[in-house]
Amino acid sequence: MPPVRKFRKEDIIKVAYDIAKEEGFTGINARRIANILGCSVQPIFHNFTSMEELCRVVYDQIYNKYKEYMVNARNSNYKPYKEMGLAYIRFAADYPEFFKAIFMNNTKLSTENLILNDDLGNDVIKAGQELTNLSYEEQKKLHVKVWIFTHGIACLVATKTVEFKENEINKLLEDSIRQMIIGYKHEKGENK
């Protein structure tokens, strides 16, 4: 009798992650993972109580990949606010299925809660404050507008609806942020 091959939890997660990377979460199912691993579904359910649990673990890894992009941009010495917007769009371009899983599913969150659902949102707002000198609350309002614009570009990129060159995105983002800041300050009567 040949030895029974043990499948580590990490092996199962890696296969599910790779499927999500190519096809999104809809491609993840126990039978598919088992076929790729060359086993029955038993090792999957030995390591995870349900497919939902496995998908949560994969989602956490995907979100960590997104955070890696954003943290690297936040730590940039060159215009961190704009760099974080570019990183958001770059993530959508590099990992379209991951981007869709995080930001294009039916989250049922308000815009503010979606933006502020973790420390990254606060970091982006603080980076914006350094640029605008607005209060936290004012910057949060401005950031919602900037984020909606940036999210629109990222969605177009992730769905391959429009193909942008990096320099086009850079210019669009820089010009739009500048104009939104001017408009916001004009609205407040600052006219700077």
C-alpha atoms as a PDB file:
ATOM      1  CA  MET A   1       0.000   0.000   0.000  1.00  0.00           C
ATOM      2  CA  PRO A   2       1.529   3.383  -1.003  1.00  0.00           C
ATOM      3  CA  PRO A   3       2.066   5.926   1.773  1.00  0.00           C
ATOM      4  CA  VAL A   4      -0.765   8.362   2.336  1.00  0.00           C
ATOM      5  CA  ARG A   5       0.243  11.852   1.290  1.00  0.00           C
ATOM      6  CA  LYS A   6      -0.447  14.509   3.879  1.00  0.00           C
ATOM      7  CA  PHE A   7      -1.653  17.867   2.644  1.00  0.00           C
ATOM      8  CA  ARG A   8      -0.648  20.799   4.731  1.00  0.00           C
ATOM      9  CA  LYS A   9      -3.057  23.610   5.391  1.00  0.00           C
ATOM     10  CA  GLU A  10      -0.619  25.954   3.608  1.00  0.00           C
ATOM     11  CA  ASP A  11      -0.804  23.820   0.427  1.00  0.00           C
ATOM     12  CA  ILE A  12      -4.582  24.105   0.359  1.00  0.00           C
ATOM     13  CA  ILE A  13      -4.491  27.847   1.025  1.00  0.00           C
ATOM     14  CA  LYS A  14      -1.905  28.354  -1.742  1.00  0.00           C
ATOM     15  CA  VAL A  15      -4.060  26.543  -4.307  1.00  0.00           C
ATOM     16  CA  ALA A  16      -7.173  28.497  -3.282  1.00  0.00           C
ATOM     17  CA  TYR A  17      -5.181  31.764  -3.382  1.00  0.00           C
ATOM     18  CA  ASP A  18      -3.902  30.970  -6.887  1.00  0.00           C
ATOM     19  CA  ILE A  19      -7.423  30.204  -8.084  1.00  0.00           C
ATOM     20  CA  ALA A  20      -8.708  33.481  -6.608  1.00  0.00           C
ATOM     21  CA  LYS A  21      -5.843  35.354  -8.275  1.00  0.00           C
ATOM     22  CA  GLU A  22      -6.857  34.075 -11.718  1.00  0.00           C
ATOM     23  CA  GLU A  23     -10.631  33.733 -11.428  1.00  0.00           C
ATOM     24  CA  GLY A  24     -11.823  35.375  -8.241  1.00  0.00           C
ATOM     25  CA  PHE A  25     -13.610  33.657  -5.392  1.00  0.00           C
ATOM     26  CA  THR A  26     -16.229  32.103  -7.657  1.00  0.00           C
ATOM     27  CA  GLY A  27     -13.574  29.690  -8.941  1.00  0.00           C
ATOM     28  CA  ILE A  28     -12.790  28.333  -5.483  1.00  0.00           C
ATOM     29  CA  ASN A  29     -14.499  25.063  -4.581  1.00  0.00           C
ATOM     30  CA  ALA A  30     -13.431  21.906  -2.764  1.00  0.00           C
ATOM     31  CA  ARG A  31     -13.544  19.621  -5.793  1.00  0.00           C
ATOM     32  CA  ARG A  32     -11.405  22.001  -7.857  1.00  0.00           C
ATOM     33  CA  ILE A  33      -8.797  22.332  -5.104  1.00  0.00           C
ATOM     34  CA  ALA A  34      -8.756  18.554  -4.617  1.00  0.00           C
ATOM     35  CA  ASN A  35      -8.205  17.993  -8.365  1.00  0.00           C
ATOM     36  CA  ILE A  36      -5.266  20.405  -8.406  1.00  0.00           C
ATOM     37  CA  LEU A  37      -3.739  18.783  -5.316  1.00  0.00           C
ATOM     38  CA  GLY A  38      -4.455  15.281  -6.633  1.00  0.00           C
ATOM     39  CA  CYS A  39      -6.496  14.160  -3.643  1.00  0.00           C
ATOM     40  CA  SER A  40     -10.046  13.797  -2.411  1.00  0.00           C
ATOM     41  CA  VAL A  41     -11.838  16.673  -0.686  1.00  0.00           C
ATOM     42  CA  GLN A  42     -11.171  15.006   2.694  1.00  0.00           C
ATOM     43  CA  PRO A  43      -7.865  16.833   3.414  1.00  0.00           C
ATOM     44  CA  ILE A  44      -9.570  20.158   2.748  1.00  0.00           C
ATOM     45  CA  PHE A  45     -12.299  19.530   5.289  1.00  0.00           C
ATOM     46  CA  HIS A  46      -9.816  18.002   7.699  1.00  0.00           C
ATOM     47  CA  ASN A  47      -7.984  21.355   7.750  1.00  0.00           C
ATOM     48  CA  PHE A  48     -10.991  23.688   7.425  1.00  0.00           C
ATOM     49  CA  THR A  49     -14.445  23.387   8.940  1.00  0.00           C
ATOM     50  CA  SER A  50     -16.005  24.827   5.778  1.00  0.00           C
ATOM     51  CA  MET A  51     -15.187  26.426   2.447  1.00  0.00           C
ATOM     52  CA  GLU A  52     -16.221  29.729   4.010  1.00  0.00           C
ATOM     53  CA  GLU A  53     -13.412  29.387   6.542  1.00  0.00           C
ATOM     54  CA  LEU A  54     -10.899  28.676   3.769  1.00  0.00           C
ATOM     55  CA  CYS A  55     -12.182  31.657   1.763  1.00  0.00           C
ATOM     56  CA  ARG A  56     -11.828  33.919   4.823  1.00  0.00           C
ATOM     57  CA  VAL A  57      -8.191  32.862   5.185  1.00  0.00           C
ATOM     58  CA  VAL A  58      -7.590  33.511   1.472  1.00  0.00           C
ATOM     59  CA  TYR A  59      -9.366  36.868   1.728  1.00  0.00           C
ATOM     60  CA  ASP A  60      -7.078  37.859   4.610  1.00  0.00           C
ATOM     61  CA  GLN A  61      -4.029  37.005   2.488  1.00  0.00           C
ATOM     62  CA  ILE A  62      -5.424  39.028  -0.414  1.00  0.00           C
ATOM     63  CA  TYR A  63      -6.077  41.981   1.868  1.00  0.00           C
ATOM     64  CA  ASN A  64      -2.530  41.728   3.219  1.00  0.00           C
ATOM     65  CA  LYS A  65      -1.227  41.916  -0.359  1.00  0.00           C
ATOM     66  CA  TYR A  66      -3.293  45.088  -0.870  1.00  0.00           C
ATOM     67  CA  LYS A  67      -1.972  46.549   2.402  1.00  0.00           C
ATOM     68  CA  GLU A  68       1.576  45.845   1.258  1.00  0.00           C
ATOM     69  CA  TYR A  69       1.001  48.074  -1.796  1.00  0.00           C
ATOM     70  CA  MET A  70      -0.510  50.834   0.303  1.00  0.00           C
ATOM     71  CA  VAL A  71       2.104  50.736   3.072  1.00  0.00           C
ATOM     72  CA  ASN A  72       4.931  50.920   0.532  1.00  0.00           C
ATOM     73  CA  ALA A  73       3.262  53.977  -1.026  1.00  0.00           C
ATOM     74  CA  ARG A  74       2.606  55.563   2.375  1.00  0.00           C
ATOM     75  CA  ASN A  75       6.293  55.258   3.184  1.00  0.00           C
ATOM     76  CA  SER A  76       7.227  57.035  -0.038  1.00  0.00           C
ATOM     77  CA  ASN A  77       9.170  60.254   0.342  1.00  0.00           C
ATOM     78  CA  TYR A  78       7.529  61.630  -2.790  1.00  0.00           C
ATOM     79  CA  LYS A  79       3.931  62.851  -2.379  1.00  0.00           C
ATOM     80  CA  PRO A  80       2.596  59.955  -0.260  1.00  0.00           C
ATOM     81  CA  TYR A  81      -1.056  61.003  -0.764  1.00  0.00           C
ATOM     82  CA  LYS A  82      -0.804  60.757  -4.536  1.00  0.00           C
ATOM     83  CA  GLU A  83       1.423  57.681  -4.292  1.00  0.00           C
ATOM     84  CA  MET A  84      -1.239  55.893  -2.232  1.00  0.00           C
ATOM     85  CA  GLY A  85      -3.797  56.653  -4.945  1.00  0.00           C
ATOM     86  CA  LEU A  86      -1.420  55.338  -7.582  1.00  0.00           C
ATOM     87  CA  ALA A  87      -0.769  52.226  -5.468  1.00  0.00           C
ATOM     88  CA  TYR A  88      -4.538  51.610  -5.234  1.00  0.00           C
ATOM     89  CA  ILE A  89      -4.796  51.758  -9.031  1.00  0.00           C
ATOM     90  CA  ARG A  90      -1.608  49.712  -9.499  1.00  0.00           C
ATOM     91  CA  PHE A  91      -3.049  47.002  -7.231  1.00  0.00           C
ATOM     92  CA  ALA A  92      -6.181  46.941  -9.430  1.00  0.00           C
ATOM     93  CA  ALA A  93      -3.973  46.540 -12.514  1.00  0.00           C
ATOM     94  CA  ASP A  94      -1.661  43.894 -11.037  1.00  0.00           C
ATOM     95  CA  TYR A  95      -4.348  41.870  -9.228  1.00  0.00           C
ATOM     96  CA  PRO A  96      -7.707  42.609 -10.877  1.00  0.00           C
ATOM     97  CA  GLU A  97      -9.498  39.645  -9.309  1.00  0.00           C
ATOM     98  CA  PHE A  98      -8.177  40.525  -5.858  1.00  0.00           C
ATOM     99  CA  PHE A  99      -9.244  44.140  -6.356  1.00  0.00           C
ATOM    100  CA  LYS A 100     -12.734  43.017  -7.385  1.00  0.00           C
ATOM    101  CA  ALA A 101     -12.966  40.732  -4.341  1.00  0.00           C
ATOM    102  CA  ILE A 102     -12.088  43.533  -1.931  1.00  0.00           C
ATOM    103  CA  PHE A 103     -13.680  46.589  -3.517  1.00  0.00           C
ATOM    104  CA  MET A 104     -16.237  45.550  -6.120  1.00  0.00           C
ATOM    105  CA  ASN A 105     -18.300  43.019  -4.222  1.00  0.00           C
ATOM    106  CA  ASN A 106     -21.527  43.962  -2.539  1.00  0.00           C
ATOM    107  CA  THR A 107     -19.987  45.198   0.717  1.00  0.00           C
ATOM    108  CA  LYS A 108     -23.035  47.205   1.830  1.00  0.00           C
ATOM    109  CA  LEU A 109     -20.698  49.608   3.631  1.00  0.00           C
ATOM    110  CA  SER A 110     -21.070  53.353   3.451  1.00  0.00           C
ATOM    111  CA  THR A 111     -18.323  55.125   1.509  1.00  0.00           C
ATOM    112  CA  GLU A 112     -16.821  56.435   4.738  1.00  0.00           C
ATOM    113  CA  ASN A 113     -16.850  53.009   6.401  1.00  0.00           C
ATOM    114  CA  LEU A 114     -15.309  51.384   3.331  1.00  0.00           C
ATOM    115  CA  ILE A 115     -12.499  53.941   3.341  1.00  0.00           C
ATOM    116  CA  LEU A 116     -11.986  53.855   7.112  1.00  0.00           C
ATOM    117  CA  ASN A 117     -12.434  50.144   7.763  1.00  0.00           C
ATOM    118  CA  ASP A 118      -8.835  49.872   8.979  1.00  0.00           C
ATOM    119  CA  ASP A 119      -5.752  51.926   9.828  1.00  0.00           C
ATOM    120  CA  LEU A 120      -4.878  52.335   6.152  1.00  0.00           C
ATOM    121  CA  GLY A 121      -7.822  54.669   5.621  1.00  0.00           C
ATOM    122  CA  ASN A 122      -6.681  56.881   8.468  1.00  0.00           C
ATOM    123  CA  ASP A 123      -3.127  56.827   7.106  1.00  0.00           C
ATOM    124  CA  VAL A 124      -4.351  58.021   3.712  1.00  0.00           C
ATOM    125  CA  ILE A 125      -6.320  60.847   5.315  1.00  0.00           C
ATOM    126  CA  LYS A 126      -3.319  61.895   7.408  1.00  0.00           C
ATOM    127  CA  ALA A 127      -1.100  61.870   4.298  1.00  0.00           C
ATOM    128  CA  GLY A 128      -3.701  64.095   2.644  1.00  0.00           C
ATOM    129  CA  GLN A 129      -3.687  66.466   5.612  1.00  0.00           C
ATOM    130  CA  GLU A 130       0.037  67.003   5.125  1.00  0.00           C
ATOM    131  CA  LEU A 131      -0.749  68.162   1.588  1.00  0.00           C
ATOM    132  CA  THR A 132      -3.820  70.292   2.308  1.00  0.00           C
ATOM    133  CA  ASN A 133      -3.442  71.502   5.912  1.00  0.00           C
ATOM    134  CA  LEU A 134      -7.139  70.741   6.425  1.00  0.00           C
ATOM    135  CA  SER A 135      -8.538  69.422   9.692  1.00  0.00           C
ATOM    136  CA  TYR A 136      -9.036  65.658   9.935  1.00  0.00           C
ATOM    137  CA  GLU A 137     -12.807  65.990   9.388  1.00  0.00           C
ATOM    138  CA  GLU A 138     -12.359  68.335   6.419  1.00  0.00           C
ATOM    139  CA  GLN A 139      -9.727  66.071   4.887  1.00  0.00           C
ATOM    140  CA  LYS A 140     -12.018  63.082   5.365  1.00  0.00           C
ATOM    141  CA  LYS A 141     -14.745  64.847   3.340  1.00  0.00           C
ATOM    142  CA  LEU A 142     -12.272  65.806   0.629  1.00  0.00           C
ATOM    143  CA  HIS A 143     -10.797  62.319   0.601  1.00  0.00           C
ATOM    144  CA  VAL A 144     -14.180  60.723  -0.100  1.00  0.00           C
ATOM    145  CA  LYS A 145     -14.279  62.726  -3.350  1.00  0.00           C
ATOM    146  CA  VAL A 146     -10.675  61.876  -4.229  1.00  0.00           C
ATOM    147  CA  TRP A 147     -11.280  58.210  -3.404  1.00  0.00           C
ATOM    148  CA  ILE A 148     -14.403  58.023  -5.580  1.00  0.00           C
ATOM    149  CA  PHE A 149     -12.398  59.407  -8.511  1.00  0.00           C
ATOM    150  CA  THR A 150      -9.453  57.070  -7.830  1.00  0.00           C
ATOM    151  CA  HIS A 151     -11.778  54.107  -7.353  1.00  0.00           C
ATOM    152  CA  GLY A 152     -13.408  54.844 -10.702  1.00  0.00           C
ATOM    153  CA  ILE A 153     -10.051  54.692 -12.477  1.00  0.00           C
ATOM    154  CA  ALA A 154      -9.112  51.525 -10.571  1.00  0.00           C
ATOM    155  CA  CYS A 155     -12.401  49.845 -11.571  1.00  0.00           C
ATOM    156  CA  LEU A 156     -11.845  50.759 -15.224  1.00  0.00           C
ATOM    157  CA  VAL A 157      -8.349  49.278 -14.989  1.00  0.00           C
ATOM    158  CA  ALA A 158      -9.395  46.114 -13.094  1.00  0.00           C
ATOM    159  CA  THR A 159     -12.183  45.331 -15.558  1.00  0.00           C
ATOM    160  CA  LYS A 160      -9.977  46.225 -18.534  1.00  0.00           C
ATOM    161  CA  THR A 161     -12.662  48.654 -19.709  1.00  0.00           C
ATOM    162  CA  VAL A 162     -10.057  51.327 -20.435  1.00  0.00           C
ATOM    163  CA  GLU A 163      -6.326  50.922 -20.866  1.00  0.00           C
ATOM    164  CA  PHE A 164      -4.340  53.738 -19.292  1.00  0.00           C
ATOM    165  CA  LYS A 165      -0.628  54.373 -19.476  1.00  0.00           C
ATOM    166  CA  GLU A 166       1.089  54.934 -16.124  1.00  0.00           C
ATOM    167  CA  ASN A 167       1.881  58.569 -16.978  1.00  0.00           C
ATOM    168  CA  GLU A 168      -1.792  59.199 -17.906  1.00  0.00           C
ATOM    169  CA  ILE A 169      -2.961  57.892 -14.546  1.00  0.00           C
ATOM    170  CA  ASN A 170      -0.293  59.911 -12.771  1.00  0.00           C
ATOM    171  CA  LYS A 171      -1.380  63.130 -14.521  1.00  0.00           C
ATOM    172  CA  LEU A 172      -5.107  62.436 -14.046  1.00  0.00           C
ATOM    173  CA  LEU A 173      -4.645  61.815 -10.349  1.00  0.00           C
ATOM    174  CA  GLU A 174      -2.341  64.771  -9.747  1.00  0.00           C
ATOM    175  CA  ASP A 175      -4.552  67.220 -11.674  1.00  0.00           C
ATOM    176  CA  SER A 176      -7.750  65.952 -10.062  1.00  0.00           C
ATOM    177  CA  ILE A 177      -6.376  66.079  -6.526  1.00  0.00           C
ATOM    178  CA  ARG A 178      -5.117  69.616  -7.115  1.00  0.00           C
ATOM    179  CA  GLN A 179      -8.453  70.755  -8.579  1.00  0.00           C
ATOM    180  CA  MET A 180     -10.454  69.121  -5.791  1.00  0.00           C
ATOM    181  CA  ILE A 181      -8.299  70.849  -3.163  1.00  0.00           C
ATOM    182  CA  ILE A 182      -8.739  74.216  -4.905  1.00  0.00           C
ATOM    183  CA  GLY A 183     -12.488  73.629  -5.199  1.00  0.00           C
ATOM    184  CA  TYR A 184     -12.816  72.549  -1.584  1.00  0.00           C
ATOM    185  CA  LYS A 185     -10.876  75.560  -0.301  1.00  0.00           C
ATOM    186  CA  HIS A 186     -12.834  77.893  -2.608  1.00  0.00           C
ATOM    187  CA  GLU A 187     -16.073  76.437  -1.278  1.00  0.00           C
ATOM    188  CA  LYS A 188     -14.862  77.220   2.249  1.00  0.00           C
ATOM    189  CA  GLY A 189     -13.989  80.772   1.172  1.00  0.00           C
ATOM    190  CA  GLU A 190     -10.223  80.336   1.465  1.00  0.00           C
ATOM    191  CA  ASN A 191      -9.510  81.028  -2.249  1.00  0.00           C
ATOM    192  CA  LYS A 192      -5.874  79.961  -1.948  1.00  0.00           C
END
